[in-house]
Amino acid sequence: MFKKILVANRGEIAVRIIRACKEMGIKTVAIYSTADENALHRELANEAYCVGGASCSDSYLNMENILSIACLTGCDAIHPGFGFLSENPIFASMVERCGIKWIGPNPHVMELMGNKSEAIKMMREAGVPIVPGSYRAVSLEEGNQIAREIGYPVLIKASAGGGGKGIRMVSSDAEFAPLYTEAKEEAKKFFANDELYIEKFIVNPRHIEVQMMCDKHGNCIHLYERNCSLQRRKQKMLEEAPCQCISKKLREGLHEAAVKACKYVNYDSVGTIEFLVDKDENFYFIEMNTRIQVEHSVTESICNVDIVKTMIKTAYGLKLPYKQEDVQILGCAMECRINAEDMKNDFRPDPGKITFLHIPGGKGVRVDTAVYAGYEIPPYYDSMIMKLIVFAPTRLECIRKMRAALEELIIEGVKTTTEFHYVLLHHPTFILGYYDTGFCEEFLKEYEQNAKQRIQ
């Protein structure tokens, strides 16, 4: 097994990986920026080194500095977590050329699946359902013609995109050219790649993803599905597993398609296949995340599987410790992403010092975080500061447990999304479980109207 792993990340995922390594008897090296000098992951690791300035490009995206630290400290593997360099095939290839193991999929597969148009093409070849579209990068003129053929509304999407960037919804011919230009400029800014492709816009679908685990020996299993439909501006706010709102036939179809997709590309690590499901239960592949997900903890809760440890073991070359029949759904789990944001000011990030912190506990309550009382949240990175996860035998019990946990959670000094989640968990549509990607925006409109009426 690996002797020393460099964790090329920060925040709660860095803490999560370091804890898993401790349990496995593996030493860890943390990297941190000048803005993260008091970060928890720095204190938990066996060694910690400053990798650069506060900005991402100077630190957590600085490939040369990260590799230099890994080589100088004698690391035999690098775990990228999620975000930053986790889906960068160039960095993964550089790691391997340095004689260091990359804890993730083969860089070639990362490159193929990371390019959205290429991934869609491959899934089409594999027989996995895909959304009607261009299947490749297109020019303005080509894109406009395809949009007319498949019918509006359509999405213009960055081929190398993610996180809701480089995406525009187009409703008519008149809108196409200006929105294409906007998406192209945004894609170039965020991904250094301005290629765009076109796909049919499925109105208010459900966003369902299947957690996959594969190894280097051809073994491939799924860990069931998660409902990630609760999104604000294409950013996930709450996830739950398993999915309440789908039939047995659809569930089996999603699992089968996800396994087929991974086997077709010879996937060899932890990953996630994401699907859109329309009102008639037709489902379509949208992308593959070739890394561990933020919401992996929801799946861990319902299956009692340690995804991080498994990812490390398979990267080392071991076979998956589970067969498909070994993995069972043991209950229901939910995760609230607690962000340092002001929900009454258009969810504007609210960095600052946490003056008081009380974390909820009890059976079936899990908190993944890197913050503590006295911690100064820097303004340079993602605003998520905590994942609050609960597990219970049934979905209704899960909802009640999450409400109780949110009531107990106290974070002072910064504004957070705790109230958003608490009110959401009392909404009839959410309680029934039959919500789609359009629900969150409608819920927020309703919340704002009710708030105005209370003031009056």
Foldseek 3Di string as FASTA:
>chain_A
DWAEEEELDAKLQLVVLLVLCVVVNHAYEYEAAPLCPVFQSCVSGPYYYYQAHDFCVGGSQPLVSSLVVCVVVVGQEYAHGDPRCQLPLVSCVVCVVVNHFYLFWHSVLSVQQLQQLSLQVLLVVLVAFAFDWDSFFDDLVVRLVRCVVVDDFKKKAGRNDDPLALIDTDGDSVPRVVSLVVSQVRCCVPPVGSTIIMGHDFPFWWKKKWKKAAFQVLAIAILFMKTQFADDSNHGFKIKPDAPPDDPVLRVSRRVSVRSSCSSSVIHAIKMWMWTAHPVRDIHTRGIGRHDDPPVVNSCQQFVDDRSSQSVCRSVPDGRPDHHVSTDGQAMKMKGQKFLFDVVVVRHHWWAAFQDWDFDDDPFWDKRFGDDHGDTGDPNDGRGGIIIMGTDRYPLVNLVVLLVRLVRTDTPDTDICSVVSNVVSPDPVVSSSPGGNVVNVVVSVVVVVVVVVVVD
